[in-house]
C-alpha atoms as a PDB file:
ATOM      1  CA  MET A   1       0.343  -0.409  -0.074  1.00  0.00           C
ATOM      2  CA  LYS A   2       2.962   2.462   0.338  1.00  0.00           C
ATOM      3  CA  GLN A   3       3.239   2.533  -3.152  1.00  0.00           C
ATOM      4  CA  PHE A   4      -0.128   3.567  -3.794  1.00  0.00           C
ATOM      5  CA  THR A   5      -0.517   6.296  -1.233  1.00  0.00           C
ATOM      6  CA  GLU A   6       2.991   7.392  -2.842  1.00  0.00           C
ATOM      7  CA  THR A   7       1.422   7.536  -5.944  1.00  0.00           C
ATOM      8  CA  LEU A   8      -1.472   9.365  -4.746  1.00  0.00           C
ATOM      9  CA  ASP A   9       0.611  12.170  -2.697  1.00  0.00           C
ATOM     10  CA  TYR A  10       2.460  12.621  -5.994  1.00  0.00           C
ATOM     11  CA  LEU A  11      -0.489  12.847  -8.573  1.00  0.00           C
ATOM     12  CA  LYS A  12      -2.885  15.202  -6.285  1.00  0.00           C
ATOM     13  CA  SER A  13       0.714  17.358  -5.219  1.00  0.00           C
ATOM     14  CA  ARG A  14       0.080  18.612  -9.208  1.00  0.00           C
ATOM     15  CA  GLY A  15      -3.631  19.067  -8.869  1.00  0.00           C
ATOM     16  CA  ILE A  16      -5.209  16.336  -9.713  1.00  0.00           C
ATOM     17  CA  THR A  17      -7.718  15.579  -7.051  1.00  0.00           C
ATOM     18  CA  ALA A  18     -11.235  15.647  -8.367  1.00  0.00           C
ATOM     19  CA  PRO A  19     -11.744  13.255 -10.668  1.00  0.00           C
ATOM     20  CA  GLU A  20     -15.072  11.762 -11.416  1.00  0.00           C
ATOM     21  CA  THR A  21     -14.645   9.262 -14.921  1.00  0.00           C
ATOM     22  CA  GLY A  22     -11.570   7.655 -15.481  1.00  0.00           C
ATOM     23  CA  ILE A  23     -10.741   6.903 -19.321  1.00  0.00           C
ATOM     24  CA  ILE A  24      -9.031   4.176 -20.656  1.00  0.00           C
ATOM     25  CA  LEU A  25      -7.483   5.043 -24.429  1.00  0.00           C
ATOM     26  CA  GLY A  26      -6.572   1.638 -26.835  1.00  0.00           C
ATOM     27  CA  THR A  27      -4.377   1.288 -29.784  1.00  0.00           C
ATOM     28  CA  GLY A  28      -5.089   4.048 -32.535  1.00  0.00           C
ATOM     29  CA  LEU A  29      -7.195   5.268 -29.839  1.00  0.00           C
ATOM     30  CA  GLY A  30      -5.813   8.171 -28.128  1.00  0.00           C
ATOM     31  CA  ASP A  31      -7.077  10.900 -30.225  1.00  0.00           C
ATOM     32  CA  LEU A  32     -10.026  11.391 -28.296  1.00  0.00           C
ATOM     33  CA  ALA A  33      -6.969  12.699 -25.617  1.00  0.00           C
ATOM     34  CA  GLY A  34      -7.813  15.904 -28.097  1.00  0.00           C
ATOM     35  CA  HIS A  35     -11.253  16.731 -27.076  1.00  0.00           C
ATOM     36  CA  ILE A  36     -10.558  17.019 -23.114  1.00  0.00           C
ATOM     37  CA  ASP A  37      -9.859  20.447 -21.850  1.00  0.00           C
ATOM     38  CA  ALA A  38      -6.763  19.403 -20.431  1.00  0.00           C
ATOM     39  CA  GLU A  39      -5.261  21.226 -16.798  1.00  0.00           C
ATOM     40  CA  LEU A  40      -2.560  18.621 -16.893  1.00  0.00           C
ATOM     41  CA  ILE A  41      -0.721  16.229 -18.918  1.00  0.00           C
ATOM     42  CA  VAL A  42       1.808  13.833 -16.634  1.00  0.00           C
ATOM     43  CA  ASP A  43       4.192  11.754 -18.643  1.00  0.00           C
ATOM     44  CA  TYR A  44       3.750   8.471 -16.970  1.00  0.00           C
ATOM     45  CA  GLU A  45       7.684   8.363 -16.292  1.00  0.00           C
ATOM     46  CA  GLU A  46       7.194  11.452 -13.769  1.00  0.00           C
ATOM     47  CA  ILE A  47       4.945   9.976 -11.762  1.00  0.00           C
ATOM     48  CA  PRO A  48       6.319   6.970  -8.719  1.00  0.00           C
ATOM     49  CA  HIS A  49       5.270   3.512  -9.821  1.00  0.00           C
ATOM     50  CA  PHE A  50       3.642   4.022 -12.903  1.00  0.00           C
ATOM     51  CA  PRO A  51       4.680   1.556 -15.309  1.00  0.00           C
ATOM     52  CA  VAL A  52       5.321   2.568 -18.785  1.00  0.00           C
ATOM     53  CA  SER A  53       4.474   1.844 -22.483  1.00  0.00           C
ATOM     54  CA  THR A  54       6.417   0.621 -24.397  1.00  0.00           C
ATOM     55  CA  VAL A  55       3.823   0.274 -27.529  1.00  0.00           C
ATOM     56  CA  GLU A  56       4.964   3.048 -30.074  1.00  0.00           C
ATOM     57  CA  THR A  57       0.664   4.267 -30.367  1.00  0.00           C
ATOM     58  CA  HIS A  58       0.525   4.324 -26.901  1.00  0.00           C
ATOM     59  CA  LYS A  59       1.047   8.125 -25.708  1.00  0.00           C
ATOM     60  CA  GLY A  60       1.997   7.217 -21.842  1.00  0.00           C
ATOM     61  CA  LYS A  61       0.448  10.802 -21.057  1.00  0.00           C
ATOM     62  CA  LEU A  62      -1.826  11.072 -18.068  1.00  0.00           C
ATOM     63  CA  ILE A  63      -4.717  13.981 -19.219  1.00  0.00           C
ATOM     64  CA  TYR A  64      -6.646  15.403 -16.006  1.00  0.00           C
ATOM     65  CA  GLY A  65      -9.471  17.984 -17.839  1.00  0.00           C
ATOM     66  CA  MET A  66     -12.696  18.896 -18.749  1.00  0.00           C
ATOM     67  CA  LEU A  67     -15.224  16.199 -21.673  1.00  0.00           C
ATOM     68  CA  SER A  68     -18.279  17.149 -21.411  1.00  0.00           C
ATOM     69  CA  GLY A  69     -19.043  18.687 -18.374  1.00  0.00           C
ATOM     70  CA  ARG A  70     -16.839  15.148 -16.670  1.00  0.00           C
ATOM     71  CA  LYS A  71     -13.964  16.037 -15.256  1.00  0.00           C
ATOM     72  CA  VAL A  72     -11.622  13.043 -16.637  1.00  0.00           C
ATOM     73  CA  LEU A  73      -8.042  11.467 -15.528  1.00  0.00           C
ATOM     74  CA  ALA A  74      -7.461   9.496 -19.486  1.00  0.00           C
ATOM     75  CA  MET A  75      -4.996   7.546 -19.736  1.00  0.00           C
ATOM     76  CA  GLN A  76      -3.497   8.332 -23.260  1.00  0.00           C
ATOM     77  CA  GLY A  77      -1.789   4.654 -23.227  1.00  0.00           C
ATOM     78  CA  ARG A  78      -2.013   1.482 -21.361  1.00  0.00           C
ATOM     79  CA  PHE A  79      -0.376  -1.406 -20.666  1.00  0.00           C
ATOM     80  CA  HIS A  80      -0.405  -5.253 -21.499  1.00  0.00           C
ATOM     81  CA  TYR A  81       1.464  -8.280 -19.805  1.00  0.00           C
ATOM     82  CA  TYR A  82       3.524  -9.739 -23.539  1.00  0.00           C
ATOM     83  CA  GLU A  83       5.058  -5.918 -22.282  1.00  0.00           C
ATOM     84  CA  GLY A  84       6.862  -7.789 -19.578  1.00  0.00           C
ATOM     85  CA  TYR A  85       4.804  -6.324 -16.892  1.00  0.00           C
ATOM     86  CA  THR A  86       3.069  -8.417 -14.311  1.00  0.00           C
ATOM     87  CA  MET A  87      -0.793  -8.030 -13.362  1.00  0.00           C
ATOM     88  CA  GLN A  88      -0.523  -6.090 -10.139  1.00  0.00           C
ATOM     89  CA  GLN A  89       1.479  -3.298 -12.456  1.00  0.00           C
ATOM     90  CA  ILE A  90      -0.943  -3.550 -15.464  1.00  0.00           C
ATOM     91  CA  VAL A  91      -4.025  -3.080 -13.004  1.00  0.00           C
ATOM     92  CA  PHE A  92      -2.310   0.005 -11.122  1.00  0.00           C
ATOM     93  CA  PRO A  93      -3.362   2.872 -12.714  1.00  0.00           C
ATOM     94  CA  VAL A  94      -6.917   1.307 -12.526  1.00  0.00           C
ATOM     95  CA  ARG A  95      -6.495   1.536  -8.231  1.00  0.00           C
ATOM     96  CA  ILE A  96      -5.359   4.610  -8.729  1.00  0.00           C
ATOM     97  CA  MET A  97      -7.775   5.958 -10.014  1.00  0.00           C
ATOM     98  CA  LYS A  98     -10.430   4.720  -8.136  1.00  0.00           C
ATOM     99  CA  MET A  99      -8.896   6.092  -4.778  1.00  0.00           C
ATOM    100  CA  LEU A 100      -8.335   9.305  -6.393  1.00  0.00           C
ATOM    101  CA  GLY A 101     -12.499   9.501  -5.997  1.00  0.00           C
ATOM    102  CA  VAL A 102     -13.557   8.197  -9.634  1.00  0.00           C
ATOM    103  CA  SER A 103     -16.965   6.625  -9.976  1.00  0.00           C
ATOM    104  CA  ALA A 104     -16.975   5.112 -13.887  1.00  0.00           C
ATOM    105  CA  LEU A 105     -13.733   3.966 -15.852  1.00  0.00           C
ATOM    106  CA  LEU A 106     -14.855   4.086 -19.473  1.00  0.00           C
ATOM    107  CA  ILE A 107     -12.289   1.481 -21.457  1.00  0.00           C
ATOM    108  CA  SER A 108     -11.816   1.532 -25.064  1.00  0.00           C
ATOM    109  CA  ASN A 109      -9.707  -0.859 -27.372  1.00  0.00           C
ATOM    110  CA  ALA A 110      -8.762  -2.339 -30.751  1.00  0.00           C
ATOM    111  CA  ALA A 111      -9.479  -5.594 -31.074  1.00  0.00           C
ATOM    112  CA  GLY A 112      -9.731  -8.796 -34.448  1.00  0.00           C
ATOM    113  CA  GLY A 113     -13.360  -9.855 -35.217  1.00  0.00           C
ATOM    114  CA  ILE A 114     -14.437 -12.957 -35.168  1.00  0.00           C
ATOM    115  CA  ASN A 115     -17.861 -12.582 -35.757  1.00  0.00           C
ATOM    116  CA  LEU A 116     -18.350 -11.849 -39.033  1.00  0.00           C
ATOM    117  CA  GLU A 117     -21.552 -10.379 -39.476  1.00  0.00           C
ATOM    118  CA  MET A 118     -19.437  -7.303 -37.433  1.00  0.00           C
ATOM    119  CA  GLY A 119     -17.567  -5.536 -40.101  1.00  0.00           C
ATOM    120  CA  LYS A 120     -14.053  -4.465 -40.240  1.00  0.00           C
ATOM    121  CA  GLY A 121     -13.817  -0.837 -38.656  1.00  0.00           C
ATOM    122  CA  SER A 122     -17.234  -1.500 -36.452  1.00  0.00           C
ATOM    123  CA  LEU A 123     -17.796  -1.231 -32.694  1.00  0.00           C
ATOM    124  CA  MET A 124     -18.687  -3.220 -30.198  1.00  0.00           C
ATOM    125  CA  LEU A 125     -19.907  -2.638 -26.857  1.00  0.00           C
ATOM    126  CA  ILE A 126     -18.043  -5.370 -24.654  1.00  0.00           C
ATOM    127  CA  ASP A 127     -20.915  -7.503 -23.274  1.00  0.00           C
ATOM    128  CA  ASP A 128     -19.012 -10.146 -21.348  1.00  0.00           C
ATOM    129  CA  HIS A 129     -15.813 -11.999 -21.654  1.00  0.00           C
ATOM    130  CA  ILE A 130     -13.438 -15.067 -21.637  1.00  0.00           C
ATOM    131  CA  ASN A 131     -10.450 -14.625 -20.539  1.00  0.00           C
ATOM    132  CA  LEU A 132      -7.560 -16.921 -21.202  1.00  0.00           C
ATOM    133  CA  LEU A 133      -4.966 -15.015 -19.906  1.00  0.00           C
ATOM    134  CA  PRO A 134      -2.656 -16.602 -17.988  1.00  0.00           C
ATOM    135  CA  ALA A 135      -2.508 -14.662 -15.197  1.00  0.00           C
ATOM    136  CA  ASN A 136      -4.545 -13.090 -12.988  1.00  0.00           C
ATOM    137  CA  PRO A 137      -3.947  -9.022 -11.077  1.00  0.00           C
ATOM    138  CA  LEU A 138      -5.927 -11.010  -7.652  1.00  0.00           C
ATOM    139  CA  THR A 139      -3.185 -13.500  -7.845  1.00  0.00           C
ATOM    140  CA  GLY A 140      -1.493 -13.123  -4.773  1.00  0.00           C
ATOM    141  CA  PRO A 141      -2.815 -12.226  -1.007  1.00  0.00           C
ATOM    142  CA  ASN A 142      -5.795  -9.082  -1.131  1.00  0.00           C
ATOM    143  CA  HIS A 143      -5.743  -6.187   0.212  1.00  0.00           C
ATOM    144  CA  ASN A 144      -9.267  -5.803   1.959  1.00  0.00           C
ATOM    145  CA  GLY A 145      -9.394  -2.568   1.538  1.00  0.00           C
ATOM    146  CA  LEU A 146     -10.059  -2.690  -1.800  1.00  0.00           C
ATOM    147  CA  GLY A 147     -12.054  -5.307  -1.942  1.00  0.00           C
ATOM    148  CA  THR A 148     -13.401  -8.411  -1.460  1.00  0.00           C
ATOM    149  CA  ARG A 149     -11.087 -12.105  -1.754  1.00  0.00           C
ATOM    150  CA  PHE A 150     -13.663 -13.786  -4.488  1.00  0.00           C
ATOM    151  CA  PRO A 151     -15.197 -10.953  -5.814  1.00  0.00           C
ATOM    152  CA  ASP A 152     -18.737 -11.293  -8.324  1.00  0.00           C
ATOM    153  CA  MET A 153     -17.881 -11.138 -11.904  1.00  0.00           C
ATOM    154  CA  SER A 154     -21.414 -11.978 -13.330  1.00  0.00           C
ATOM    155  CA  ARG A 155     -21.955  -8.862 -14.686  1.00  0.00           C
ATOM    156  CA  PRO A 156     -18.765  -7.352 -15.264  1.00  0.00           C
ATOM    157  CA  TYR A 157     -19.775  -4.261 -17.443  1.00  0.00           C
ATOM    158  CA  ASP A 158     -21.830  -2.315 -16.072  1.00  0.00           C
ATOM    159  CA  PRO A 159     -25.279  -2.470 -17.226  1.00  0.00           C
ATOM    160  CA  LYS A 160     -26.800   0.703 -16.598  1.00  0.00           C
ATOM    161  CA  LEU A 161     -23.221   2.166 -18.231  1.00  0.00           C
ATOM    162  CA  ASN A 162     -24.343   0.429 -21.283  1.00  0.00           C
ATOM    163  CA  GLU A 163     -27.370   1.442 -21.259  1.00  0.00           C
ATOM    164  CA  LEU A 164     -26.141   4.207 -21.508  1.00  0.00           C
ATOM    165  CA  PHE A 165     -23.925   3.587 -23.986  1.00  0.00           C
ATOM    166  CA  MET A 166     -26.854   1.768 -26.071  1.00  0.00           C
ATOM    167  CA  LYS A 167     -28.595   4.888 -26.040  1.00  0.00           C
ATOM    168  CA  ALA A 168     -25.335   7.140 -26.908  1.00  0.00           C
ATOM    169  CA  ALA A 169     -25.463   4.843 -30.086  1.00  0.00           C
ATOM    170  CA  GLU A 170     -28.688   5.246 -30.579  1.00  0.00           C
ATOM    171  CA  ALA A 171     -29.234   8.796 -30.540  1.00  0.00           C
ATOM    172  CA  GLU A 172     -25.343   9.815 -32.598  1.00  0.00           C
ATOM    173  CA  GLY A 173     -26.726   7.225 -34.941  1.00  0.00           C
ATOM    174  CA  ILE A 174     -23.968   4.931 -34.454  1.00  0.00           C
ATOM    175  CA  LYS A 175     -23.841   1.169 -35.073  1.00  0.00           C
ATOM    176  CA  LEU A 176     -22.911  -0.329 -31.896  1.00  0.00           C
ATOM    177  CA  HIS A 177     -22.867  -4.285 -31.242  1.00  0.00           C
ATOM    178  CA  THR A 178     -22.701  -5.827 -28.494  1.00  0.00           C
ATOM    179  CA  GLY A 179     -20.958  -9.349 -27.925  1.00  0.00           C
ATOM    180  CA  VAL A 180     -18.143 -10.668 -26.125  1.00  0.00           C
ATOM    181  CA  TYR A 181     -13.912 -10.371 -25.904  1.00  0.00           C
ATOM    182  CA  ALA A 182     -11.327 -13.417 -25.064  1.00  0.00           C
ATOM    183  CA  ALA A 183      -8.181 -11.592 -24.135  1.00  0.00           C
ATOM    184  CA  VAL A 184      -5.568 -13.546 -25.658  1.00  0.00           C
ATOM    185  CA  ALA A 185      -1.231 -13.268 -23.619  1.00  0.00           C
ATOM    186  CA  GLY A 186       0.044 -11.859 -27.520  1.00  0.00           C
ATOM    187  CA  PRO A 187       1.892 -10.576 -28.919  1.00  0.00           C
ATOM    188  CA  ASN A 188       1.572 -12.400 -32.098  1.00  0.00           C
ATOM    189  CA  LEU A 189      -1.888 -12.444 -33.426  1.00  0.00           C
ATOM    190  CA  GLU A 190      -3.671 -16.098 -34.136  1.00  0.00           C
ATOM    191  CA  THR A 191      -3.084 -19.268 -35.793  1.00  0.00           C
ATOM    192  CA  ARG A 192      -6.456 -19.914 -37.740  1.00  0.00           C
ATOM    193  CA  ALA A 193      -6.882 -22.703 -35.594  1.00  0.00           C
ATOM    194  CA  GLU A 194      -7.207 -20.363 -32.725  1.00  0.00           C
ATOM    195  CA  TYR A 195      -9.184 -18.073 -34.234  1.00  0.00           C
ATOM    196  CA  ARG A 196     -11.569 -21.206 -34.798  1.00  0.00           C
ATOM    197  CA  PHE A 197     -11.206 -22.216 -31.291  1.00  0.00           C
ATOM    198  CA  LEU A 198     -12.226 -18.761 -29.816  1.00  0.00           C
ATOM    199  CA  ARG A 199     -15.672 -18.633 -32.175  1.00  0.00           C
ATOM    200  CA  THR A 200     -16.814 -22.076 -30.968  1.00  0.00           C
ATOM    201  CA  ILE A 201     -15.944 -20.851 -27.411  1.00  0.00           C
ATOM    202  CA  GLY A 202     -18.081 -17.427 -27.899  1.00  0.00           C
ATOM    203  CA  ALA A 203     -15.811 -14.875 -28.678  1.00  0.00           C
ATOM    204  CA  ASP A 204     -16.897 -12.092 -31.188  1.00  0.00           C
ATOM    205  CA  VAL A 205     -13.565 -10.107 -31.234  1.00  0.00           C
ATOM    206  CA  VAL A 206     -10.472 -11.285 -29.315  1.00  0.00           C
ATOM    207  CA  GLY A 207      -7.606  -8.725 -28.314  1.00  0.00           C
ATOM    208  CA  MET A 208      -4.849  -8.268 -25.438  1.00  0.00           C
ATOM    209  CA  SER A 209      -5.929  -5.928 -22.487  1.00  0.00           C
ATOM    210  CA  THR A 210      -8.879  -4.436 -20.683  1.00  0.00           C
ATOM    211  CA  VAL A 211      -9.889  -8.032 -19.011  1.00  0.00           C
ATOM    212  CA  PRO A 212      -7.058  -7.186 -16.256  1.00  0.00           C
ATOM    213  CA  GLU A 213      -8.430  -3.797 -15.483  1.00  0.00           C
ATOM    214  CA  VAL A 214     -12.156  -4.934 -15.632  1.00  0.00           C
ATOM    215  CA  ILE A 215     -11.236  -7.770 -13.071  1.00  0.00           C
ATOM    216  CA  ALA A 216      -9.600  -4.922 -10.846  1.00  0.00           C
ATOM    217  CA  CYS A 217     -13.117  -2.205 -11.473  1.00  0.00           C
ATOM    218  CA  ASN A 218     -14.926  -5.464 -10.294  1.00  0.00           C
ATOM    219  CA  HIS A 219     -12.561  -5.651  -7.127  1.00  0.00           C
ATOM    220  CA  MET A 220     -12.495  -2.418  -6.019  1.00  0.00           C
ATOM    221  CA  GLN A 221     -16.846  -1.989  -7.689  1.00  0.00           C
ATOM    222  CA  LEU A 222     -16.164   0.487  -9.758  1.00  0.00           C
ATOM    223  CA  PRO A 223     -18.853   0.282 -12.518  1.00  0.00           C
ATOM    224  CA  CYS A 224     -17.429  -0.470 -15.794  1.00  0.00           C
ATOM    225  CA  ALA A 225     -18.257  -0.517 -19.903  1.00  0.00           C
ATOM    226  CA  ALA A 226     -15.616  -0.450 -22.872  1.00  0.00           C
ATOM    227  CA  VAL A 227     -15.680  -0.950 -25.919  1.00  0.00           C
ATOM    228  CA  SER A 228     -14.101  -2.356 -28.799  1.00  0.00           C
ATOM    229  CA  VAL A 229     -12.946  -0.886 -32.381  1.00  0.00           C
ATOM    230  CA  ILE A 230     -12.620  -4.079 -35.199  1.00  0.00           C
ATOM    231  CA  THR A 231      -9.324  -3.549 -36.862  1.00  0.00           C
ATOM    232  CA  ASP A 232      -9.739  -6.722 -38.898  1.00  0.00           C
ATOM    233  CA  GLU A 233     -11.637  -9.657 -39.910  1.00  0.00           C
ATOM    234  CA  CYS A 234     -10.020 -13.348 -38.574  1.00  0.00           C
ATOM    235  CA  ASP A 235     -11.871 -15.378 -40.955  1.00  0.00           C
ATOM    236  CA  PRO A 236      -9.696 -18.567 -40.517  1.00  0.00           C
ATOM    237  CA  ASP A 237     -10.871 -19.965 -44.199  1.00  0.00           C
ATOM    238  CA  ASN A 238      -9.528 -16.746 -45.965  1.00  0.00           C
ATOM    239  CA  LEU A 239      -7.399 -15.284 -43.257  1.00  0.00           C
ATOM    240  CA  ALA A 240      -4.705 -12.603 -44.777  1.00  0.00           C
ATOM    241  CA  PRO A 241      -1.292 -11.916 -43.543  1.00  0.00           C
ATOM    242  CA  ALA A 242      -2.186  -9.519 -40.796  1.00  0.00           C
ATOM    243  CA  ASP A 243      -1.021  -5.668 -41.219  1.00  0.00           C
ATOM    244  CA  ILE A 244       0.012  -4.109 -38.243  1.00  0.00           C
ATOM    245  CA  SER A 245      -0.239  -0.393 -40.142  1.00  0.00           C
ATOM    246  CA  ASP A 246      -4.231  -1.695 -41.675  1.00  0.00           C
ATOM    247  CA  ILE A 247      -5.254  -2.368 -37.780  1.00  0.00           C
ATOM    248  CA  ILE A 248      -3.844   1.001 -36.771  1.00  0.00           C
ATOM    249  CA  ALA A 249      -5.422   3.306 -39.663  1.00  0.00           C
ATOM    250  CA  THR A 250      -8.217   1.565 -38.752  1.00  0.00           C
ATOM    251  CA  ALA A 251      -9.089   1.977 -34.904  1.00  0.00           C
ATOM    252  CA  ALA A 252      -7.309   6.057 -36.111  1.00  0.00           C
ATOM    253  CA  THR A 253     -10.735   5.641 -38.498  1.00  0.00           C
ATOM    254  CA  ALA A 254     -13.652   4.447 -36.387  1.00  0.00           C
ATOM    255  CA  GLU A 255     -12.082   6.206 -33.261  1.00  0.00           C
ATOM    256  CA  LYS A 256     -14.368   9.105 -34.742  1.00  0.00           C
ATOM    257  CA  SER A 257     -17.937   7.569 -34.149  1.00  0.00           C
ATOM    258  CA  LEU A 258     -15.806   6.521 -31.186  1.00  0.00           C
ATOM    259  CA  THR A 259     -15.378  10.247 -29.819  1.00  0.00           C
ATOM    260  CA  ARG A 260     -19.065  10.910 -30.911  1.00  0.00           C
ATOM    261  CA  LEU A 261     -19.657   8.373 -28.150  1.00  0.00           C
ATOM    262  CA  PHE A 262     -17.332   8.299 -25.220  1.00  0.00           C
ATOM    263  CA  LYS A 263     -18.481  12.431 -25.139  1.00  0.00           C
ATOM    264  CA  HIS A 264     -22.303  11.528 -25.004  1.00  0.00           C
ATOM    265  CA  VAL A 265     -22.211   9.327 -22.752  1.00  0.00           C
ATOM    266  CA  LEU A 266     -19.957  11.287 -20.438  1.00  0.00           C
ATOM    267  CA  ALA A 267     -22.483  13.956 -20.982  1.00  0.00           C
ATOM    268  CA  ASN A 268     -25.181  11.501 -19.349  1.00  0.00           C
ATOM    269  CA  LEU A 269     -23.334   9.884 -16.896  1.00  0.00           C
END
């Protein structure tokens, strides 16, 4: 808990005192940060005990300011298991957000589309997930001050927040699918057989993030919601080699709709 205290003391000393909503921006989705009326931008390297983003598209900045009438604390770039971080390190910023006072966390990510009815460039609200990561952020001694030893995961994505997203999509004229997100370790993409396996077990999309943060949210009883941008179609019967630059470009294009969606939700929280 000493690390939490030192990080909190530093952020409060920089003026981050009353955030209402947390935001995590994933691969190719960092430009939403440009819509925030920022009071403070802090590089992760400056924050005690914060991990550092090693992925090129993750800028590694914590942004504090106003968006759609809400005081937000946004992570422009997240952390992944494949970067070599422990699960506890990955969720550390989420725990800090909760301790600073955020009452909800909104998450975005880029994901591969397994359900081919959801086309490339479309958005999917995550209703549930399948955790195929090899570790868990709750492994080890439980911090009773944060949450219970055995947190319930029957509704990992807050139904009220999800309803807000669906209403926002309708109001903005945005097609928003709902479905199941499968989390894998990465960083390699999946084989044809693995895509068939994921489809068989009920996954609509697959990615390499989000689930650790959602587990931490449920542990701390912090309501959360997450939207995936489907950046490529993972059809095992017609699988082409992945083009990472195309994946990032697709995420950037879809971000226009994602930005409208997030801003509408924030305005109605």
